[in-house]
Every structure is written in C-alpha cells, then in structure tokens.
Amino acid sequence: MTVSTKPSLLEMEAIAARHPHLLQSSSTKRLKTALIGIGVLLYLVFSWWFFSIGHVLANANWGIAGTYLADWVSYEVRPEIAIAADGTMALSYARNSPLGPNPNPDWVTLEKKTVTRTIEAPAAAQASKPKGSSSFNFMAPNAALGDNQTVQAPNRIETRSEEVVTRALIAFDRSTSIEVASGVVTATHGGETLVMTVDGADTATPQGPLPRWARQKRPGEKITLSFGLTGWAEVEGDEVSIRNRFFGWANFLFDTNSPFFGKPYGEVASLIFSGERIDPARSNLSLAWNNILYNAEWQHLDVWTKLLQTVIMAFVGTLFASLIAFPLCFLAARNITPNFFANQLTKRFFDFLRSVDMFIWALFFTRAFGPGPLAGISAIFFTDTGTLGKLYSEALENIDDKQREGVKSVGATPIAVQRFGVLPQVLPVFASQALYFWESNTRSATIIGAVGAGGIGLKLWEAMRTNSDWENVAYMVLLILVVVFIFDSISNALRTRLMGRKTH
C-alpha cells in the first residue's frame, strides 16, 4: 500500500495562510521588477533618440553596402568607350585590366571602319634670326624680333586615316546589355529599355522617364545605371564607363605578366611537370612558384610576411608582458607583500598601463619608433603588462592559505614558501591567462597595424583606402580568420591541459 506524501488542497491553503510570503511575491518585489523594466525601456528609448538610430537606418545606403560585399567575392572588368562629336568611338581598358595587355572579351562586340580625318597639326618653329641681322621689318613694324628669337610658322593641315569604332555592344548577361552607336546609348535590363543621347561633349539626355535602375541628379549630367550583382555603368556626354562584374578572384595565382597567365590549369600543370623550359635559367616549377609569390596584383609573399609579423608581434608582446607582470604581481598582492605603499604603487602602475588603450599606445610608439613591428610589440607589451599584472595579483589574493601555511610550518624559507605553497596553485591560471591574451592579441595586432604599427593590419588598411581592391581585403581577412582559428584551437587545447580538464 502506497501512502501519498503530497499535501492536500486544504493543507496547501493552511500553509499559505500561515506563510503568505513563501507563495506570493510581495508588492515591493513586484514594484522593483516593474521599475527595472520601465528603466530599461526608457534607456532604450533614450539611446534610440540620442544616437539617432532611426535616422541612420532610414538614410543608410544599403545598395553601396551590398556592392562592397559583392566586391569581396568578385572582380570587375572596366572598358571605357570614348565618344567623339561625330559619333565615332574608341574603346580602351584600364592599364591594370585583369584581362591582360591585349583584352578581347567575347562579351564585347565591336563594329569598326576606317575613316579619313583632316586635322590641324602644329608646325615646327623656324630657325632663329642671325645675330647680325636687322630686327626691323618694314612690312610689320610691330613684329620686330630680337637676337636668337624664333618665328612661329602657321599650323599645317594633315590628312590621316585611322580605324574607329562605329558600334559597340556590351552584353553583361542574357537580360542586360548596352549598345552605343551614332551618339545614341541604348541600355536594356530586366525587360526594360532606356535610350539616351550623348553629344560627344558634356551632355547626356535620357529619352523618356528613367527606370528604377537608372539615376541622374540633374538634367544633362551623367546617368548611372545599376544592374545589381551583374555590374553597373555611367553614361556621360563623351564617354560610357562599363563595370562588368564576374564572380571569383581574378589572376589569383598568376598575374598578367606571367607566362602562365590565361592558360587552363591542365596546361599549366603540363608545362610545370613535362613542358620545355620557358626560362632557360630555371625550371618551370621554380618559375611558376616565383610568379605566384611575386604576383603583382595579389602580392602573396608580402601578405604572408606581414601576417607572420602580426603573429610574432602578438607572441613577443604577450611574452614580455607575462615576464614583467609575473614578479610585479607579487608586490601588488596584499597577502604576499603586506606593505600598503608597495601594493598601491604597483597597482596604480598596472592601472596606468591598462587604462590607456592599446590603439593609443600604438599611435604613441609609432611616433616614437616610426612605423613597424617594434611599435606594435611595445603597444601590446604595455597594455598587457597592466592587464596581466592585475589578473595575476587577484589570483594570488584568492589562493588557499592552508597550503602556504603548511609549507611554512616545516621551517621553509620565504622563497621556498612561495615556490611550493603558492606557485603550484597559480601557475596554471597564469599560463592560461597568458595563452588567452596571446590568442586575443593576434586579432588586436591587426587593428593596431592599421595605424602604422606593422603587420598585416597596415596592408589591410592600404587595400581598403583604395576603395577598389575589396577582393584583396577579403583575401587578407580570410587569412586572419584562419590564423585566429588555428591559434584559438591551440590556446584552448593548452589551457585545458594546464587546468587539468580532459578534452572531449
């Protein structure tokens, strides 16, 4: 037979009557909860107003943000179509075009013809008058010439034949294209067509209302055409600028100066392992590796060297900070050094070092030492000495005194008491914190590098300042993520072993 121990309803009511505070929240507690909720709500409303969050979100240019993100994983080919007053055109590419020195993409169709132009060319200056000749001219009294002056001959008329483009068709994809012919630019996108006339000088005029993907600030000014991830274009009176976007990183292995540029990977592999030597002085494998390292567009060797500098900056700065913070923390711990003056002096020194942000220290040392890794190491060293010193001293102040008293009771010297009674308790904690800071400083060294403290941060900042090399930015960010992930895993594994916990 089972006896129920669950109280009955009458018993519950009796308990509630005798001890109402156990089953019911007091009005004071409910009021405190309500006040806390109202305070949090007022704080959020104040923050929304103070930082103008609504205005910022409403005026944010999300289109540009999306374009920047697309630039991380794509590249643009940028042909420029110059338009003359007579409607003829000339096509050119940027000097550093990813298509190489002689671009001829299949998405550009050109119609050309040879035209004869009559142009006025400047004539060469006539020889100087002899020194002994008269400078007076009866036919033109006001045109007197002094010694050693030249007579400017009238310009001569020349006739030249040259090849010009009469029609250009740029096919972005199946639904997007731009055609330029006879001073008329026709853009097609998403089933809509926009016709624009250009005068070969400074005026572009749309024929009809602008679709949603076209924008013109003022009449006659340039017209910007946005095709999303496909690319964009700008139409001016004398020029059409094309920005055709392609997914991927162009020329990541070989730049346009490499003999392997533009070749399929199978052909490159065949050349490396079985082809005749391209350069008689070295093997094709050595040549290919050299071309990769010194790739002018991606600068792999320089990027990897700067990344190694960042890792070394973080390691050396953290190591020196740990070595200096270790002895000083014993002076800051009240239970180790019972001297008020020594405690306060050391703790205020730690506060001074860590109260100045690492970024500010980096600016200071960059001015002192000049740009380079030494400034970054010094910034990390100063900041982490203060932070690790504070953490170490707090760990010392929280040790178990029984172990120290036990060592002291056998007559050990003060140094032996610290060695056998204190260090075994705090060394795993010290090492764990140093490892964490080493991993964290790998990220921080990237930021301080942007102000001239060396490492990949400076390289990253240079790529961002161009506002056109976002694929290089993505490459360096990816490398940083990989390095941080590796060191985070190493740091976690070492900390787990030091703290005596098994990994799973």
Protein backbone atom coordinates (compact mmCIF):
# COMPACT_ATOMS: atom_id res chain seq x y z
CA MET A 1 0.00 0.00 0.00
CA THR A 2 1.41 3.38 -1.02
CA VAL A 3 0.96 6.36 1.26
CA SER A 4 0.71 9.67 -0.58
CA THR A 5 3.01 12.39 0.78
CA LYS A 6 1.59 15.09 -1.47
CA PRO A 7 -0.19 17.76 0.62
CA SER A 8 -3.90 18.14 0.09
CA LEU A 9 -5.59 21.31 -1.07
CA LEU A 10 -6.66 22.16 2.49
CA GLU A 11 -3.10 21.71 3.75
CA MET A 12 -1.78 23.99 0.98
CA GLU A 13 -4.30 26.67 1.92
CA ALA A 14 -3.31 26.37 5.56
CA ILE A 15 0.39 26.73 4.70
CA ALA A 16 -0.36 29.73 2.51
CA ALA A 17 -2.35 31.32 5.34
CA ARG A 18 0.47 30.82 7.86
CA HIS A 19 3.34 31.78 5.48
CA PRO A 20 2.00 34.04 2.69
CA HIS A 21 5.48 35.35 1.86
CA LEU A 22 6.59 31.89 0.70
CA LEU A 23 3.96 31.52 -2.02
CA GLN A 24 3.26 35.07 -3.05
CA SER A 25 5.53 37.80 -4.32
CA SER A 26 5.49 40.84 -2.14
CA SER A 27 4.26 44.11 -3.55
CA THR A 28 7.74 45.55 -3.04
CA LYS A 29 9.30 42.89 -5.27
CA ARG A 30 6.67 43.40 -7.94
CA LEU A 31 7.25 47.15 -7.81
CA LYS A 32 11.02 46.67 -8.14
CA THR A 33 10.54 44.42 -11.16
CA ALA A 34 8.22 46.95 -12.80
CA LEU A 35 10.62 49.82 -12.11
CA ILE A 36 13.54 47.87 -13.57
CA GLY A 37 11.52 47.10 -16.70
CA ILE A 38 10.47 50.75 -17.09
CA GLY A 39 14.09 51.87 -16.57
CA VAL A 40 15.38 49.51 -19.26
CA LEU A 41 12.66 50.67 -21.65
CA LEU A 42 13.44 54.35 -21.02
CA TYR A 43 17.14 53.68 -21.54
CA LEU A 44 16.48 52.03 -24.90
CA VAL A 45 14.24 54.91 -25.98
CA PHE A 46 16.87 57.45 -24.90
CA SER A 47 19.60 55.56 -26.78
CA TRP A 48 17.43 55.42 -29.90
CA TRP A 49 16.95 59.20 -29.72
CA PHE A 50 20.48 60.16 -28.59
CA PHE A 51 22.24 58.17 -31.33
CA SER A 52 19.59 58.99 -33.98
CA ILE A 53 19.29 55.29 -34.80
CA GLY A 54 16.07 55.71 -36.77
CA HIS A 55 17.54 58.49 -38.92
CA VAL A 56 20.71 56.49 -39.54
CA LEU A 57 18.78 53.38 -40.59
CA ALA A 58 16.47 55.39 -42.84
CA ASN A 59 19.33 57.16 -44.63
CA ALA A 60 21.72 54.21 -44.83
CA ASN A 61 22.86 53.41 -48.36
CA TRP A 62 22.27 49.68 -48.35
CA GLY A 63 22.97 49.49 -52.07
CA ILE A 64 26.57 50.62 -51.59
CA ALA A 65 26.98 48.20 -48.70
CA GLY A 66 25.77 45.37 -50.93
CA THR A 67 28.17 46.44 -53.68
CA TYR A 68 31.10 46.38 -51.26
CA LEU A 69 30.17 42.89 -50.11
CA ALA A 70 29.90 41.77 -53.74
CA ASP A 71 33.37 43.22 -54.40
CA TRP A 72 34.78 40.84 -51.78
CA VAL A 73 33.95 37.80 -53.90
CA SER A 74 34.07 39.22 -57.42
CA TYR A 75 36.04 41.45 -59.75
CA GLU A 76 35.21 44.00 -62.41
CA VAL A 77 36.36 44.47 -65.99
CA ARG A 78 36.18 48.13 -66.93
CA PRO A 79 36.11 49.05 -70.61
CA GLU A 80 35.79 52.77 -71.39
CA ILE A 81 34.06 53.94 -74.57
CA ALA A 82 35.14 57.46 -75.60
CA ILE A 83 32.60 59.18 -77.89
CA ALA A 84 33.63 61.88 -80.38
CA ALA A 85 31.40 64.70 -81.60
CA ASP A 86 30.84 62.92 -84.94
CA GLY A 87 29.55 59.78 -83.18
CA THR A 88 32.63 57.63 -83.71
CA MET A 89 34.16 55.88 -80.71
CA ALA A 90 37.35 54.46 -79.26
CA LEU A 91 37.43 51.56 -76.77
CA SER A 92 40.10 51.27 -74.07
CA TYR A 93 40.73 49.27 -70.90
CA ALA A 94 42.42 50.20 -67.66
CA ARG A 95 46.19 49.79 -67.58
CA ASN A 96 45.90 47.08 -64.92
CA SER A 97 42.96 45.27 -66.51
CA PRO A 98 42.54 41.68 -65.26
CA LEU A 99 42.26 40.62 -68.92
CA GLY A 100 45.90 41.42 -69.62
CA PRO A 101 47.59 43.81 -72.05
CA ASN A 102 45.51 42.79 -75.11
CA PRO A 103 41.96 42.26 -73.90
CA ASN A 104 39.41 40.88 -76.32
CA PRO A 105 36.48 39.53 -74.29
CA ASP A 106 33.68 37.69 -76.06
CA TRP A 107 31.02 39.81 -74.34
CA VAL A 108 32.20 42.93 -76.21
CA THR A 109 31.17 43.21 -79.87
CA LEU A 110 32.63 46.00 -81.98
CA GLU A 111 31.94 47.26 -85.47
CA LYS A 112 34.80 49.26 -86.96
CA LYS A 113 35.59 51.21 -90.08
CA THR A 114 38.47 53.27 -91.43
CA VAL A 115 37.85 56.99 -91.70
CA THR A 116 39.95 59.80 -93.16
CA ARG A 117 40.26 62.85 -90.97
CA THR A 118 41.68 66.29 -91.77
CA ILE A 119 43.41 67.71 -88.73
CA GLU A 120 45.38 70.84 -87.97
CA ALA A 121 48.86 69.94 -86.70
CA PRO A 122 51.26 72.46 -85.13
CA ALA A 123 54.21 73.37 -87.36
CA ALA A 124 57.80 73.34 -86.22
CA ALA A 125 59.27 76.70 -85.26
CA GLN A 126 61.54 78.41 -87.83
CA ALA A 127 65.22 78.89 -87.17
CA SER A 128 66.43 81.88 -85.15
CA LYS A 129 67.40 85.08 -86.93
CA PRO A 130 71.15 85.62 -87.31
CA LYS A 131 72.63 87.77 -84.62
CA GLY A 132 73.87 90.39 -87.01
CA SER A 133 70.68 90.83 -89.00
CA SER A 134 68.35 93.76 -88.59
CA SER A 135 65.41 93.41 -86.27
CA PHE A 136 63.27 95.93 -88.16
CA ASN A 137 60.57 94.73 -90.52
CA PHE A 138 59.14 97.28 -92.99
CA MET A 139 56.10 95.05 -93.65
CA ALA A 140 55.24 94.53 -89.96
CA PRO A 141 56.75 97.23 -87.79
CA ASN A 142 55.25 95.79 -84.58
CA ALA A 143 56.69 92.31 -85.19
CA ALA A 144 60.31 93.13 -84.54
CA LEU A 145 62.42 90.21 -83.41
CA GLY A 146 65.38 90.35 -81.12
CA ASP A 147 68.50 88.21 -81.28
CA ASN A 148 68.04 84.45 -81.01
CA GLN A 149 64.21 84.63 -81.28
CA THR A 150 62.22 82.23 -83.43
CA VAL A 151 59.44 82.79 -85.90
CA GLN A 152 56.33 80.63 -85.35
CA ALA A 153 55.12 79.23 -88.67
CA PRO A 154 51.37 78.73 -89.24
CA ASN A 155 49.88 75.31 -88.38
CA ARG A 156 49.85 72.78 -91.18
CA ILE A 157 46.89 70.75 -92.34
CA GLU A 158 47.29 66.96 -92.34
CA THR A 159 45.09 64.13 -93.60
CA ARG A 160 45.14 60.90 -91.63
CA SER A 161 43.40 57.55 -91.93
CA GLU A 162 42.51 55.72 -88.75
CA GLU A 163 40.29 52.89 -87.59
CA VAL A 164 37.38 53.89 -85.36
CA VAL A 165 34.53 52.07 -83.67
CA THR A 166 31.11 52.85 -85.08
CA ARG A 167 29.04 50.48 -82.91
CA ALA A 168 29.76 48.80 -79.56
CA LEU A 169 27.61 46.17 -77.86
CA ILE A 170 28.36 45.20 -74.24
CA ALA A 171 26.48 42.08 -73.12
CA PHE A 172 26.50 41.79 -69.30
CA ASP A 173 24.22 38.74 -69.33
CA ARG A 174 21.14 37.49 -71.18
CA SER A 175 18.88 40.28 -69.88
CA THR A 176 21.36 43.15 -69.57
CA SER A 177 23.24 44.92 -72.34
CA ILE A 178 24.40 48.35 -73.50
CA GLU A 179 24.64 49.38 -77.15
CA VAL A 180 26.38 52.55 -78.31
CA ALA A 181 26.04 53.77 -81.92
CA SER A 182 25.72 57.16 -83.69
CA GLY A 183 25.56 59.17 -80.46
CA VAL A 184 22.80 57.00 -79.01
CA VAL A 185 23.23 54.75 -75.97
CA THR A 186 20.63 52.02 -75.50
CA ALA A 187 20.57 50.16 -72.18
CA THR A 188 18.44 47.06 -71.62
CA HIS A 189 17.92 45.46 -68.21
CA GLY A 190 15.21 43.22 -66.77
CA GLY A 191 12.92 43.65 -69.77
CA GLU A 192 13.15 47.48 -69.71
CA THR A 193 14.94 49.67 -72.24
CA LEU A 194 16.37 53.15 -71.74
CA VAL A 195 17.52 55.25 -74.71
CA MET A 196 19.97 58.11 -74.09
CA THR A 197 21.53 60.59 -76.48
CA VAL A 198 25.05 61.93 -75.99
CA ASP A 199 26.58 64.91 -77.77
CA GLY A 200 30.24 63.88 -77.62
CA ALA A 201 30.94 66.75 -75.22
CA ASP A 202 29.28 67.03 -71.81
CA THR A 203 25.57 66.32 -72.10
CA ALA A 204 23.68 63.04 -71.69
CA THR A 205 19.93 63.15 -72.19
CA PRO A 206 17.50 60.28 -71.46
CA GLN A 207 14.68 59.79 -73.95
CA GLY A 208 11.75 59.19 -71.65
CA PRO A 209 11.37 58.52 -67.93
CA LEU A 210 14.20 56.81 -66.07
CA PRO A 211 13.58 53.24 -64.91
CA ARG A 212 14.25 52.29 -61.27
CA TRP A 213 17.79 51.09 -62.12
CA ALA A 214 18.84 54.44 -63.63
CA ARG A 215 19.64 57.69 -61.83
CA GLN A 216 20.51 61.24 -62.95
CA LYS A 217 20.98 64.02 -60.40
CA ARG A 218 20.47 66.95 -62.74
CA PRO A 219 19.50 67.28 -66.44
CA GLY A 220 22.45 66.84 -68.76
CA GLU A 221 24.72 65.29 -66.14
CA LYS A 222 25.93 61.70 -66.14
CA ILE A 223 23.41 58.87 -65.89
CA THR A 224 24.26 55.99 -63.57
CA LEU A 225 22.90 52.55 -64.46
CA SER A 226 22.83 49.96 -61.64
CA PHE A 227 22.43 46.33 -62.68
CA GLY A 228 22.83 44.74 -59.25
CA LEU A 229 25.40 41.98 -58.93
CA THR A 230 25.84 41.99 -62.71
CA GLY A 231 27.62 45.35 -62.66
CA TRP A 232 26.90 48.98 -63.44
CA ALA A 233 27.70 51.74 -65.91
CA GLU A 234 27.97 55.51 -66.20
CA VAL A 235 26.87 57.41 -69.30
CA GLU A 236 28.33 60.87 -69.89
CA GLY A 237 28.26 63.17 -72.88
CA ASP A 238 31.61 61.97 -74.20
CA GLU A 239 32.14 58.63 -72.50
CA VAL A 240 30.43 55.42 -71.40
CA SER A 241 32.13 53.66 -68.47
CA ILE A 242 31.35 49.96 -68.15
CA ARG A 243 31.76 47.93 -64.94
CA ASN A 244 31.07 44.28 -65.74
CA ARG A 245 31.25 42.07 -62.65
CA PHE A 246 32.40 38.43 -62.55
CA PHE A 247 32.36 36.03 -59.62
CA GLY A 248 35.74 34.94 -58.26
CA TRP A 249 39.22 36.37 -57.70
CA ALA A 250 40.90 37.27 -60.98
CA ASN A 251 44.53 36.26 -61.57
CA PHE A 252 44.88 34.88 -58.04
CA LEU A 253 47.83 32.64 -58.95
CA PHE A 254 49.41 34.30 -61.99
CA ASP A 255 49.24 37.98 -62.90
CA THR A 256 49.10 39.34 -66.44
CA ASN A 257 52.91 39.49 -66.68
CA SER A 258 53.35 35.77 -66.04
CA PRO A 259 53.94 33.38 -68.97
CA PHE A 260 51.33 31.13 -67.35
CA PHE A 261 48.65 33.85 -67.43
CA GLY A 262 45.40 32.91 -69.13
CA LYS A 263 46.31 29.24 -69.58
CA PRO A 264 43.98 26.46 -68.34
CA TYR A 265 45.13 24.71 -65.16
CA GLY A 266 45.70 21.47 -67.09
CA GLU A 267 48.04 23.20 -69.49
CA VAL A 268 49.86 24.90 -66.61
CA ALA A 269 50.36 21.55 -64.87
CA SER A 270 51.64 20.03 -68.11
CA LEU A 271 54.11 22.88 -68.58
CA ILE A 272 55.36 22.61 -64.99
CA PHE A 273 55.97 18.88 -64.94
CA SER A 274 56.74 17.92 -68.54
CA GLY A 275 56.99 21.01 -70.75
CA GLU A 276 60.10 22.61 -72.14
CA ARG A 277 61.70 25.29 -70.02
CA ILE A 278 60.21 28.73 -70.51
CA ASP A 279 63.17 30.34 -68.78
CA PRO A 280 66.46 28.50 -69.54
CA ALA A 281 67.89 29.60 -66.19
CA ARG A 282 65.28 27.83 -64.03
CA SER A 283 62.75 25.03 -64.10
CA ASN A 284 59.12 25.73 -64.91
CA LEU A 285 58.14 24.72 -61.36
CA SER A 286 60.53 27.29 -59.90
CA LEU A 287 59.27 29.90 -62.36
CA ALA A 288 55.64 29.19 -61.52
CA TRP A 289 56.30 29.40 -57.76
CA ASN A 290 58.19 32.67 -58.24
CA ASN A 291 55.30 34.08 -60.28
CA ILE A 292 52.84 33.14 -57.53
CA LEU A 293 54.93 34.67 -54.72
CA TYR A 294 55.57 37.90 -56.61
CA ASN A 295 52.10 38.22 -58.13
CA ALA A 296 51.79 41.98 -58.67
CA GLU A 297 48.02 42.01 -58.13
CA TRP A 298 47.78 39.83 -55.01
CA GLN A 299 51.30 40.19 -53.55
CA HIS A 300 51.16 36.81 -51.81
CA LEU A 301 54.68 36.88 -50.37
CA ASP A 302 54.25 40.36 -48.93
CA VAL A 303 50.85 39.47 -47.43
CA TRP A 304 52.17 36.26 -45.86
CA THR A 305 55.22 38.11 -44.49
CA LYS A 306 53.02 40.79 -42.95
CA LEU A 307 50.76 38.11 -41.46
CA LEU A 308 53.81 36.44 -39.90
CA GLN A 309 54.82 39.83 -38.50
CA THR A 310 51.40 40.12 -36.87
CA VAL A 311 51.71 36.70 -35.24
CA ILE A 312 55.23 37.49 -33.98
CA MET A 313 54.08 40.88 -32.68
CA ALA A 314 51.34 39.22 -30.66
CA PHE A 315 53.63 36.48 -29.33
CA VAL A 316 56.59 38.68 -28.37
CA GLY A 317 54.42 41.42 -26.86
CA THR A 318 52.45 38.93 -24.77
CA LEU A 319 55.58 37.03 -23.72
CA PHE A 320 57.36 40.15 -22.47
CA ALA A 321 54.20 41.35 -20.71
CA SER A 322 53.88 38.00 -18.91
CA LEU A 323 57.53 38.03 -17.83
CA ILE A 324 57.28 41.56 -16.39
CA ALA A 325 53.82 41.12 -14.84
CA PHE A 326 54.86 37.88 -13.08
CA PRO A 327 57.28 39.35 -10.48
CA LEU A 328 55.33 42.61 -10.12
CA CYS A 329 52.09 40.82 -9.27
CA PHE A 330 53.67 39.51 -6.01
CA LEU A 331 54.22 43.12 -4.95
CA ALA A 332 50.60 44.00 -5.76
CA ALA A 333 49.08 41.05 -3.84
CA ARG A 334 48.25 42.11 -0.27
CA ASN A 335 48.56 38.61 1.16
CA ILE A 336 52.01 38.11 -0.38
CA THR A 337 53.52 41.55 0.25
CA PRO A 338 51.87 43.12 3.34
CA ASN A 339 53.14 46.59 2.51
CA PHE A 340 50.48 49.17 1.73
CA PHE A 341 52.84 51.52 -0.14
CA ALA A 342 54.25 48.74 -2.36
CA ASN A 343 50.76 47.36 -3.04
CA GLN A 344 49.30 50.72 -4.06
CA LEU A 345 52.29 51.81 -6.11
CA THR A 346 52.31 48.57 -8.12
CA LYS A 347 48.54 48.53 -8.60
CA ARG A 348 48.46 52.15 -9.76
CA PHE A 349 51.26 51.33 -12.20
CA PHE A 350 49.13 48.48 -13.58
CA ASP A 351 46.13 50.85 -13.80
CA PHE A 352 48.16 53.41 -15.74
CA LEU A 353 49.37 50.84 -18.30
CA ARG A 354 45.98 49.26 -18.93
CA SER A 355 43.86 52.42 -18.77
CA VAL A 356 45.47 53.68 -22.00
CA ASP A 357 44.06 51.63 -24.86
CA MET A 358 46.40 49.55 -27.00
CA PHE A 359 45.40 51.63 -30.02
CA ILE A 360 46.58 54.83 -28.29
CA TRP A 361 49.84 53.21 -27.21
CA ALA A 362 50.36 52.13 -30.84
CA LEU A 363 49.94 55.74 -32.03
CA PHE A 364 52.41 56.92 -29.40
CA PHE A 365 55.07 54.33 -30.23
CA THR A 366 54.60 54.82 -33.96
CA ARG A 367 55.59 58.46 -33.46
CA ALA A 368 58.48 57.39 -31.22
CA PHE A 369 59.94 54.49 -33.21
CA GLY A 370 58.42 55.07 -36.63
CA PRO A 371 56.12 52.65 -38.47
CA GLY A 372 56.99 49.00 -37.96
CA PRO A 373 56.53 45.93 -35.77
CA LEU A 374 58.51 47.43 -32.86
CA ALA A 375 55.74 49.94 -32.26
CA GLY A 376 53.15 47.14 -32.26
CA ILE A 377 55.15 44.95 -29.88
CA SER A 378 55.59 47.87 -27.49
CA ALA A 379 51.87 48.71 -27.54
CA ILE A 380 50.91 45.10 -26.76
CA PHE A 381 53.62 44.86 -24.10
CA PHE A 382 52.49 47.99 -22.24
CA THR A 383 48.77 47.21 -22.31
CA ASP A 384 49.10 43.55 -21.39
CA THR A 385 51.59 44.18 -18.61
CA GLY A 386 48.95 46.22 -16.81
CA THR A 387 46.10 43.81 -17.50
CA LEU A 388 48.00 40.60 -16.75
CA GLY A 389 49.55 42.16 -13.64
CA LYS A 390 46.10 42.94 -12.27
CA LEU A 391 44.76 39.48 -13.09
CA TYR A 392 47.82 37.75 -11.63
CA SER A 393 47.68 39.75 -8.39
CA GLU A 394 43.97 38.98 -7.96
CA ALA A 395 44.69 35.28 -8.50
CA LEU A 396 47.36 35.45 -5.79
CA GLU A 397 44.99 37.16 -3.37
CA ASN A 398 42.49 34.32 -3.78
CA ILE A 399 44.82 31.37 -3.14
CA ASP A 400 44.23 28.83 -0.39
CA ASP A 401 46.44 29.87 2.53
CA LYS A 402 46.38 26.37 4.05
CA GLN A 403 48.93 25.09 1.53
CA ARG A 404 51.22 28.04 2.15
CA GLU A 405 50.91 27.69 5.93
CA GLY A 406 51.72 24.01 5.64
CA VAL A 407 54.96 24.71 3.81
CA LYS A 408 55.81 27.48 6.27
CA SER A 409 55.21 25.18 9.26
CA VAL A 410 58.12 22.90 8.31
CA GLY A 411 60.53 25.83 8.52
CA ALA A 412 60.86 26.62 4.82
CA THR A 413 62.43 29.89 3.72
CA PRO A 414 60.18 32.66 2.36
CA ILE A 415 61.25 31.88 -1.21
CA ALA A 416 60.53 28.19 -0.69
CA VAL A 417 57.10 29.06 0.73
CA GLN A 418 56.25 30.94 -2.47
CA ARG A 419 57.75 28.21 -4.64
CA PHE A 420 55.94 25.24 -3.07
CA GLY A 421 52.98 26.87 -1.34
CA VAL A 422 51.85 29.49 -3.86
CA LEU A 423 53.13 28.81 -7.37
CA PRO A 424 51.54 25.34 -7.77
CA GLN A 425 48.15 26.98 -7.17
CA VAL A 426 48.51 29.93 -9.55
CA LEU A 427 50.86 28.82 -12.34
CA PRO A 428 48.13 27.04 -14.35
CA VAL A 429 45.96 30.15 -14.02
CA PHE A 430 48.82 32.44 -15.07
CA ALA A 431 49.67 30.31 -18.09
CA SER A 432 46.02 30.01 -19.08
CA GLN A 433 45.52 33.78 -18.97
CA ALA A 434 48.75 34.41 -20.91
CA LEU A 435 47.64 31.97 -23.61
CA TYR A 436 44.26 33.65 -23.87
CA PHE A 437 45.89 37.06 -24.26
CA TRP A 438 48.27 35.70 -26.90
CA GLU A 439 45.31 34.46 -28.93
CA SER A 440 43.40 37.72 -28.38
CA ASN A 441 46.42 39.84 -29.30
CA THR A 442 46.65 38.08 -32.66
CA ARG A 443 43.41 39.87 -33.50
CA SER A 444 44.38 43.12 -31.77
CA ALA A 445 47.70 43.29 -33.63
CA THR A 446 45.73 43.51 -36.87
CA ILE A 447 43.92 46.64 -35.67
CA ILE A 448 46.96 48.47 -34.33
CA GLY A 449 48.80 47.63 -37.54
CA ALA A 450 46.39 49.95 -39.38
CA VAL A 451 47.93 52.99 -37.63
CA GLY A 452 51.43 52.08 -38.74
CA ALA A 453 52.40 49.51 -36.13
CA GLY A 454 53.32 46.98 -38.82
CA GLY A 455 51.90 43.61 -39.70
CA ILE A 456 49.01 42.74 -41.93
CA GLY A 457 46.84 45.50 -40.43
CA LEU A 458 48.75 48.15 -42.36
CA LYS A 459 48.46 46.12 -45.55
CA LEU A 460 44.74 45.69 -44.93
CA TRP A 461 44.24 49.41 -44.40
CA GLU A 462 46.12 50.25 -47.60
CA ALA A 463 43.85 47.92 -49.59
CA MET A 464 40.71 49.43 -48.04
CA ARG A 465 41.83 53.01 -48.75
CA THR A 466 41.88 52.38 -52.50
CA ASN A 467 38.13 51.60 -52.33
CA SER A 468 38.59 49.30 -55.33
CA ASP A 469 40.61 46.33 -54.00
CA TRP A 470 37.96 44.75 -51.81
CA GLU A 471 38.81 41.28 -53.10
CA ASN A 472 42.30 41.80 -51.65
CA VAL A 473 40.66 42.86 -48.38
CA ALA A 474 38.60 39.65 -48.39
CA TYR A 475 41.75 37.61 -49.02
CA MET A 476 43.57 39.13 -46.04
CA VAL A 477 40.52 38.90 -43.78
CA LEU A 478 40.21 35.22 -44.67
CA LEU A 479 43.88 34.65 -43.82
CA ILE A 480 43.42 36.43 -40.49
CA LEU A 481 40.38 34.28 -39.71
CA VAL A 482 42.32 31.10 -40.45
CA VAL A 483 45.26 32.18 -38.26
CA VAL A 484 42.99 33.25 -35.40
CA PHE A 485 41.09 29.95 -35.63
CA ILE A 486 44.34 27.95 -35.51
CA PHE A 487 45.75 29.85 -32.54
CA ASP A 488 42.40 29.78 -30.75
CA SER A 489 42.36 25.99 -31.06
CA ILE A 490 45.97 25.71 -29.87
CA SER A 491 45.33 28.09 -26.97
CA ASN A 492 42.17 26.25 -25.88
CA ALA A 493 43.94 22.87 -26.00
CA LEU A 494 46.90 24.13 -23.94
CA ARG A 495 44.66 25.88 -21.40
CA THR A 496 42.58 22.75 -20.99
CA ARG A 497 45.67 20.64 -20.29
CA LEU A 498 47.08 23.22 -17.89
CA MET A 499 43.85 23.45 -15.91
CA GLY A 500 43.71 19.66 -15.63
CA ARG A 501 40.49 19.04 -17.53
CA LYS A 502 40.08 16.36 -20.14
CA THR A 503 39.18 17.34 -23.67
CA HIS A 504 36.22 15.75 -25.37
